[in-house]
Amino acid sequence: MKEAVCVLLPFKDGYISVSRRNDDSKWGLPGGKVDAGETPVEAVVRELHEEIGLRLDQDSMSAVLCLTCYGDDGQQYLATTYIYNGNPTVESVDSLKPEKGLKISVLTESQLCDPDISPFAEYNAQVFKSIN
């Protein structure tokens, strides 16, 4: 089974979120697929850097949920969600550098759990339930 990762990155009144590629009407948590030879935590650190231009220490990442789910491609994944426990030195999301085709914003828990906003709303609801 393929693996995927994402991260809850608390920021001010919400969580740093990324748009779906070339569709800024749908949002989710930063993350992606785990590459061959990579651990999930290495993948989440790499994905954060690729998607939002932020390098964070993997020692400040804690796994909060691991579930089997289906991706946009219909493929089944073992998805691990991490939460960043450190203090990212980010003044504003405008200082971050999104990957081409992505936008960055801060969304609340309720927005990330809204199926009109996030295609991963059901998964996100399980993530938030596991940390609350």
N, C-alpha and C. Protein backbone atom coordinates (compact mmCIF):
# COMPACT_ATOMS: atom_id res chain seq x y z
N MET A 1 0.85 -1.18 0.00
CA MET A 1 0.00 0.00 0.00
C MET A 1 0.89 1.24 0.00
N LYS A 2 0.49 2.22 -0.79
CA LYS A 2 1.24 3.47 -0.84
C LYS A 2 1.00 4.26 0.44
N GLU A 3 1.96 5.14 0.75
CA GLU A 3 1.86 5.98 1.94
C GLU A 3 1.77 7.45 1.56
N ALA A 4 1.03 8.20 2.39
CA ALA A 4 0.93 9.64 2.23
C ALA A 4 1.05 10.28 3.61
N VAL A 5 1.37 11.56 3.62
CA VAL A 5 1.54 12.30 4.88
C VAL A 5 0.94 13.69 4.73
N CYS A 6 0.57 14.27 5.86
CA CYS A 6 0.20 15.68 5.91
C CYS A 6 0.52 16.19 7.30
N VAL A 7 0.43 17.52 7.45
CA VAL A 7 0.83 18.11 8.72
C VAL A 7 -0.12 19.23 9.12
N LEU A 8 -0.48 19.20 10.40
CA LEU A 8 -1.19 20.32 11.03
C LEU A 8 -0.12 21.29 11.49
N LEU A 9 -0.13 22.46 10.91
CA LEU A 9 0.85 23.48 11.25
C LEU A 9 0.11 24.67 11.84
N PRO A 10 -0.05 24.68 13.20
CA PRO A 10 -0.81 25.76 13.83
C PRO A 10 -0.19 27.12 13.51
N PHE A 11 -1.07 28.09 13.23
CA PHE A 11 -0.62 29.44 12.93
C PHE A 11 -1.72 30.41 13.29
N LYS A 12 -1.44 31.27 14.24
CA LYS A 12 -2.40 32.27 14.71
C LYS A 12 -3.75 31.63 15.01
N ASP A 13 -4.80 31.95 14.28
CA ASP A 13 -6.14 31.45 14.58
C ASP A 13 -6.55 30.25 13.74
N GLY A 14 -5.59 29.49 13.24
CA GLY A 14 -5.95 28.36 12.40
C GLY A 14 -4.75 27.50 12.07
N TYR A 15 -4.74 26.99 10.85
CA TYR A 15 -3.68 26.08 10.40
C TYR A 15 -3.27 26.49 8.99
N ILE A 16 -1.96 26.48 8.75
CA ILE A 16 -1.48 26.77 7.41
C ILE A 16 -2.02 25.70 6.48
N SER A 17 -2.64 26.15 5.40
CA SER A 17 -3.29 25.26 4.45
C SER A 17 -2.83 25.60 3.05
N VAL A 18 -2.96 24.61 2.15
CA VAL A 18 -2.59 24.82 0.75
C VAL A 18 -3.79 24.48 -0.13
N SER A 19 -3.87 25.23 -1.24
CA SER A 19 -4.92 24.94 -2.20
C SER A 19 -4.58 23.65 -2.94
N ARG A 20 -5.58 23.08 -3.56
CA ARG A 20 -5.33 21.97 -4.47
C ARG A 20 -4.59 22.58 -5.66
N ARG A 21 -3.82 21.78 -6.33
CA ARG A 21 -3.02 22.28 -7.44
C ARG A 21 -3.92 22.92 -8.49
N ASN A 22 -3.66 24.17 -8.75
CA ASN A 22 -4.39 24.96 -9.76
C ASN A 22 -5.89 25.07 -9.49
N ASP A 23 -6.32 24.93 -8.22
CA ASP A 23 -7.73 25.10 -7.87
C ASP A 23 -7.80 25.72 -6.48
N ASP A 24 -7.81 27.05 -6.40
CA ASP A 24 -7.80 27.69 -5.09
C ASP A 24 -9.20 27.79 -4.47
N SER A 25 -10.14 26.98 -4.97
CA SER A 25 -11.45 26.87 -4.31
C SER A 25 -11.49 25.67 -3.38
N LYS A 26 -10.47 24.80 -3.42
CA LYS A 26 -10.40 23.60 -2.57
C LYS A 26 -9.08 23.61 -1.82
N TRP A 27 -9.15 23.28 -0.52
CA TRP A 27 -7.99 23.42 0.35
C TRP A 27 -7.75 22.17 1.18
N GLY A 28 -6.52 22.02 1.63
CA GLY A 28 -6.15 20.91 2.51
C GLY A 28 -4.89 21.25 3.28
N LEU A 29 -4.43 20.27 4.02
CA LEU A 29 -3.20 20.42 4.79
C LEU A 29 -2.00 20.16 3.88
N PRO A 30 -0.87 20.81 4.14
CA PRO A 30 0.33 20.51 3.36
C PRO A 30 0.70 19.04 3.51
N GLY A 31 1.13 18.44 2.42
CA GLY A 31 1.53 17.03 2.49
C GLY A 31 1.60 16.42 1.11
N GLY A 32 1.78 15.11 1.08
CA GLY A 32 1.87 14.41 -0.19
C GLY A 32 2.29 12.98 0.01
N LYS A 33 2.77 12.39 -1.05
CA LYS A 33 3.14 10.97 -1.05
C LYS A 33 4.55 10.78 -0.48
N VAL A 34 4.73 9.63 0.15
CA VAL A 34 6.04 9.23 0.67
C VAL A 34 6.82 8.59 -0.47
N ASP A 35 8.02 9.10 -0.73
CA ASP A 35 8.87 8.55 -1.78
C ASP A 35 9.58 7.29 -1.31
N ALA A 36 9.99 6.46 -2.25
CA ALA A 36 10.73 5.24 -1.93
C ALA A 36 11.97 5.59 -1.12
N GLY A 37 12.23 4.83 -0.07
CA GLY A 37 13.41 5.04 0.76
C GLY A 37 13.26 6.12 1.81
N GLU A 38 12.10 6.74 1.88
CA GLU A 38 11.84 7.83 2.80
C GLU A 38 10.96 7.35 3.95
N THR A 39 11.20 7.86 5.14
CA THR A 39 10.28 7.60 6.24
C THR A 39 9.13 8.62 6.13
N PRO A 40 7.99 8.32 6.73
CA PRO A 40 6.90 9.30 6.68
C PRO A 40 7.28 10.67 7.23
N VAL A 41 8.03 10.73 8.32
CA VAL A 41 8.38 12.03 8.88
C VAL A 41 9.36 12.77 7.96
N GLU A 42 10.25 12.06 7.30
CA GLU A 42 11.12 12.70 6.31
C GLU A 42 10.28 13.26 5.16
N ALA A 43 9.26 12.50 4.76
CA ALA A 43 8.39 12.94 3.66
C ALA A 43 7.63 14.21 4.04
N VAL A 44 7.12 14.28 5.26
CA VAL A 44 6.34 15.46 5.64
C VAL A 44 7.24 16.70 5.70
N VAL A 45 8.46 16.55 6.15
CA VAL A 45 9.41 17.67 6.17
C VAL A 45 9.72 18.11 4.74
N ARG A 46 9.96 17.15 3.85
CA ARG A 46 10.23 17.47 2.44
C ARG A 46 9.03 18.14 1.79
N GLU A 47 7.83 17.59 2.00
CA GLU A 47 6.62 18.15 1.40
C GLU A 47 6.37 19.59 1.87
N LEU A 48 6.60 19.85 3.15
CA LEU A 48 6.44 21.22 3.67
C LEU A 48 7.37 22.18 2.93
N HIS A 49 8.60 21.75 2.75
CA HIS A 49 9.55 22.62 2.06
C HIS A 49 9.14 22.83 0.61
N GLU A 50 8.74 21.75 -0.07
CA GLU A 50 8.33 21.87 -1.47
C GLU A 50 7.08 22.73 -1.63
N GLU A 51 6.07 22.49 -0.79
CA GLU A 51 4.77 23.14 -0.98
C GLU A 51 4.70 24.57 -0.46
N ILE A 52 5.39 24.86 0.66
CA ILE A 52 5.26 26.21 1.23
C ILE A 52 6.61 26.89 1.48
N GLY A 53 7.71 26.22 1.15
CA GLY A 53 9.02 26.84 1.28
C GLY A 53 9.53 26.94 2.70
N LEU A 54 9.01 26.11 3.59
CA LEU A 54 9.38 26.18 5.00
C LEU A 54 10.11 24.91 5.41
N ARG A 55 11.30 25.08 6.00
CA ARG A 55 12.06 23.94 6.52
C ARG A 55 11.83 23.85 8.01
N LEU A 56 11.31 22.71 8.46
CA LEU A 56 11.06 22.49 9.88
C LEU A 56 11.78 21.24 10.34
N ASP A 57 12.09 21.21 11.60
CA ASP A 57 12.82 20.11 12.22
C ASP A 57 11.90 18.91 12.42
N GLN A 58 12.31 17.74 11.92
CA GLN A 58 11.47 16.56 12.07
C GLN A 58 11.31 16.13 13.52
N ASP A 59 12.23 16.54 14.39
CA ASP A 59 12.11 16.18 15.81
C ASP A 59 10.95 16.91 16.49
N SER A 60 10.43 17.96 15.85
CA SER A 60 9.29 18.69 16.41
C SER A 60 7.96 18.21 15.82
N MET A 61 7.99 17.12 15.06
CA MET A 61 6.78 16.55 14.47
C MET A 61 6.32 15.35 15.30
N SER A 62 5.03 15.32 15.59
CA SER A 62 4.44 14.17 16.30
C SER A 62 3.30 13.61 15.47
N ALA A 63 3.32 12.30 15.26
CA ALA A 63 2.22 11.66 14.54
C ALA A 63 0.98 11.69 15.41
N VAL A 64 -0.15 12.11 14.85
CA VAL A 64 -1.40 12.18 15.62
C VAL A 64 -2.45 11.22 15.10
N LEU A 65 -2.33 10.75 13.86
CA LEU A 65 -3.33 9.86 13.30
C LEU A 65 -2.75 9.14 12.09
N CYS A 66 -3.09 7.87 11.97
CA CYS A 66 -2.67 7.07 10.82
C CYS A 66 -3.89 6.25 10.39
N LEU A 67 -4.38 6.50 9.18
CA LEU A 67 -5.59 5.84 8.68
C LEU A 67 -5.41 5.41 7.24
N THR A 68 -6.16 4.41 6.85
CA THR A 68 -6.24 4.03 5.46
C THR A 68 -7.33 4.87 4.81
N CYS A 69 -7.02 5.45 3.66
CA CYS A 69 -8.00 6.28 2.95
C CYS A 69 -7.71 6.22 1.46
N TYR A 70 -8.58 6.86 0.69
CA TYR A 70 -8.42 6.90 -0.76
C TYR A 70 -8.05 8.31 -1.19
N GLY A 71 -7.12 8.41 -2.13
CA GLY A 71 -6.70 9.69 -2.67
C GLY A 71 -7.55 10.10 -3.85
N ASP A 72 -7.26 11.28 -4.38
CA ASP A 72 -7.96 11.79 -5.57
C ASP A 72 -7.85 10.83 -6.74
N ASP A 73 -6.76 10.08 -6.77
CA ASP A 73 -6.49 9.17 -7.88
C ASP A 73 -7.20 7.82 -7.73
N GLY A 74 -8.00 7.66 -6.66
CA GLY A 74 -8.70 6.40 -6.42
C GLY A 74 -7.83 5.33 -5.76
N GLN A 75 -6.56 5.66 -5.56
CA GLN A 75 -5.59 4.75 -4.94
C GLN A 75 -5.78 4.73 -3.43
N GLN A 76 -5.58 3.57 -2.83
CA GLN A 76 -5.66 3.46 -1.37
C GLN A 76 -4.29 3.82 -0.78
N TYR A 77 -4.33 4.63 0.29
CA TYR A 77 -3.11 5.09 0.96
C TYR A 77 -3.19 4.84 2.45
N LEU A 78 -2.05 4.63 3.05
CA LEU A 78 -1.91 4.69 4.50
C LEU A 78 -1.46 6.11 4.77
N ALA A 79 -2.36 6.94 5.32
CA ALA A 79 -2.08 8.36 5.52
C ALA A 79 -1.74 8.64 6.98
N THR A 80 -0.62 9.28 7.19
CA THR A 80 -0.19 9.67 8.54
C THR A 80 -0.22 11.19 8.62
N THR A 81 -0.88 11.69 9.65
CA THR A 81 -0.93 13.12 9.89
C THR A 81 -0.06 13.45 11.09
N TYR A 82 0.74 14.48 10.94
CA TYR A 82 1.62 14.96 11.99
C TYR A 82 1.12 16.32 12.46
N ILE A 83 1.52 16.68 13.67
CA ILE A 83 1.31 18.05 14.14
C ILE A 83 2.68 18.59 14.47
N TYR A 84 2.91 19.84 14.11
CA TYR A 84 4.18 20.49 14.41
C TYR A 84 4.07 21.10 15.78
N ASN A 85 4.97 20.71 16.68
CA ASN A 85 4.96 21.15 18.07
C ASN A 85 5.90 22.30 18.35
N GLY A 86 6.66 22.71 17.35
CA GLY A 86 7.63 23.78 17.56
C GLY A 86 6.99 25.14 17.32
N ASN A 87 7.83 26.12 17.15
CA ASN A 87 7.37 27.48 16.91
C ASN A 87 7.96 27.95 15.59
N PRO A 88 7.19 27.81 14.48
CA PRO A 88 7.77 28.24 13.21
C PRO A 88 7.95 29.75 13.21
N THR A 89 9.08 30.19 12.71
CA THR A 89 9.37 31.62 12.68
C THR A 89 8.80 32.22 11.40
N VAL A 90 7.47 32.29 11.35
CA VAL A 90 6.77 32.82 10.19
C VAL A 90 5.98 34.03 10.66
N GLU A 91 6.27 35.17 10.07
CA GLU A 91 5.55 36.40 10.42
C GLU A 91 4.14 36.39 9.82
N SER A 92 4.05 35.98 8.56
CA SER A 92 2.77 35.93 7.87
C SER A 92 2.85 34.90 6.76
N VAL A 93 1.70 34.45 6.27
CA VAL A 93 1.73 33.48 5.18
C VAL A 93 2.28 34.12 3.90
N ASP A 94 2.25 35.44 3.81
CA ASP A 94 2.81 36.13 2.65
C ASP A 94 4.32 35.93 2.54
N SER A 95 4.97 35.59 3.65
CA SER A 95 6.41 35.37 3.63
C SER A 95 6.77 33.96 3.16
N LEU A 96 5.78 33.09 3.03
CA LEU A 96 6.02 31.73 2.56
C LEU A 96 6.05 31.70 1.04
N LYS A 97 6.71 30.68 0.49
CA LYS A 97 6.86 30.57 -0.96
C LYS A 97 6.12 29.33 -1.46
N PRO A 98 4.89 29.50 -1.98
CA PRO A 98 4.15 28.33 -2.44
C PRO A 98 4.75 27.71 -3.69
N GLU A 99 4.62 26.41 -3.78
CA GLU A 99 5.01 25.68 -4.98
C GLU A 99 4.13 26.15 -6.14
N LYS A 100 4.66 26.11 -7.34
CA LYS A 100 3.91 26.55 -8.52
C LYS A 100 2.56 25.83 -8.58
N GLY A 101 1.49 26.60 -8.76
CA GLY A 101 0.15 26.04 -8.86
C GLY A 101 -0.59 25.97 -7.54
N LEU A 102 0.10 26.30 -6.42
CA LEU A 102 -0.52 26.26 -5.10
C LEU A 102 -0.65 27.66 -4.53
N LYS A 103 -1.60 27.83 -3.64
CA LYS A 103 -1.74 29.05 -2.86
C LYS A 103 -1.71 28.64 -1.39
N ILE A 104 -1.36 29.58 -0.53
CA ILE A 104 -1.26 29.32 0.91
C ILE A 104 -2.22 30.24 1.64
N SER A 105 -2.88 29.69 2.65
CA SER A 105 -3.78 30.48 3.47
C SER A 105 -3.81 29.87 4.87
N VAL A 106 -4.50 30.55 5.77
CA VAL A 106 -4.74 30.00 7.11
C VAL A 106 -6.23 29.70 7.20
N LEU A 107 -6.56 28.44 7.50
CA LEU A 107 -7.94 28.03 7.63
C LEU A 107 -8.18 27.52 9.04
N THR A 108 -9.42 27.67 9.49
CA THR A 108 -9.80 27.18 10.80
C THR A 108 -10.14 25.70 10.73
N GLU A 109 -10.28 25.10 11.89
CA GLU A 109 -10.70 23.70 11.97
C GLU A 109 -12.03 23.50 11.24
N SER A 110 -12.99 24.38 11.49
CA SER A 110 -14.31 24.21 10.86
C SER A 110 -14.21 24.34 9.33
N GLN A 111 -13.37 25.20 8.83
CA GLN A 111 -13.20 25.31 7.38
C GLN A 111 -12.58 24.04 6.80
N LEU A 112 -11.56 23.51 7.46
CA LEU A 112 -10.90 22.30 6.98
C LEU A 112 -11.81 21.07 7.06
N CYS A 113 -12.87 21.15 7.88
CA CYS A 113 -13.82 20.04 8.01
C CYS A 113 -15.08 20.26 7.18
N ASP A 114 -15.09 21.30 6.37
CA ASP A 114 -16.24 21.63 5.52
C ASP A 114 -16.01 21.01 4.14
N PRO A 115 -16.88 20.09 3.71
CA PRO A 115 -16.68 19.44 2.41
C PRO A 115 -16.77 20.40 1.21
N ASP A 116 -17.35 21.58 1.40
CA ASP A 116 -17.38 22.57 0.32
C ASP A 116 -16.03 23.26 0.16
N ILE A 117 -15.18 23.15 1.18
CA ILE A 117 -13.87 23.80 1.16
C ILE A 117 -12.75 22.79 0.96
N SER A 118 -12.85 21.63 1.64
CA SER A 118 -11.77 20.64 1.57
C SER A 118 -12.28 19.29 1.08
N PRO A 119 -11.66 18.75 0.04
CA PRO A 119 -12.02 17.40 -0.40
C PRO A 119 -11.64 16.34 0.64
N PHE A 120 -10.88 16.75 1.65
CA PHE A 120 -10.44 15.84 2.70
C PHE A 120 -11.16 16.11 4.01
N ALA A 121 -12.34 16.74 3.95
CA ALA A 121 -13.07 17.17 5.14
C ALA A 121 -13.33 16.03 6.12
N GLU A 122 -13.73 14.90 5.62
CA GLU A 122 -14.03 13.76 6.49
C GLU A 122 -12.77 13.28 7.21
N TYR A 123 -11.69 13.18 6.47
CA TYR A 123 -10.40 12.79 7.07
C TYR A 123 -9.96 13.84 8.09
N ASN A 124 -10.06 15.13 7.71
CA ASN A 124 -9.65 16.21 8.60
C ASN A 124 -10.45 16.17 9.90
N ALA A 125 -11.74 15.87 9.82
CA ALA A 125 -12.57 15.79 11.03
C ALA A 125 -12.03 14.71 11.97
N GLN A 126 -11.58 13.60 11.42
CA GLN A 126 -11.00 12.54 12.25
C GLN A 126 -9.68 13.00 12.87
N VAL A 127 -8.90 13.76 12.12
CA VAL A 127 -7.64 14.29 12.64
C VAL A 127 -7.92 15.20 13.84
N PHE A 128 -8.84 16.14 13.67
CA PHE A 128 -9.13 17.07 14.77
C PHE A 128 -9.74 16.35 15.97
N LYS A 129 -10.54 15.34 15.72
CA LYS A 129 -11.12 14.57 16.83
C LYS A 129 -10.00 13.89 17.63
N SER A 130 -8.95 13.45 16.93
CA SER A 130 -7.86 12.76 17.62
C SER A 130 -7.00 13.69 18.47
N ILE A 131 -7.03 15.01 18.19
CA ILE A 131 -6.19 15.93 18.97
C ILE A 131 -6.99 16.74 19.99
N ASN A 132 -8.30 16.73 19.88
CA ASN A 132 -9.14 17.50 20.83
C ASN A 132 -9.55 16.67 22.02
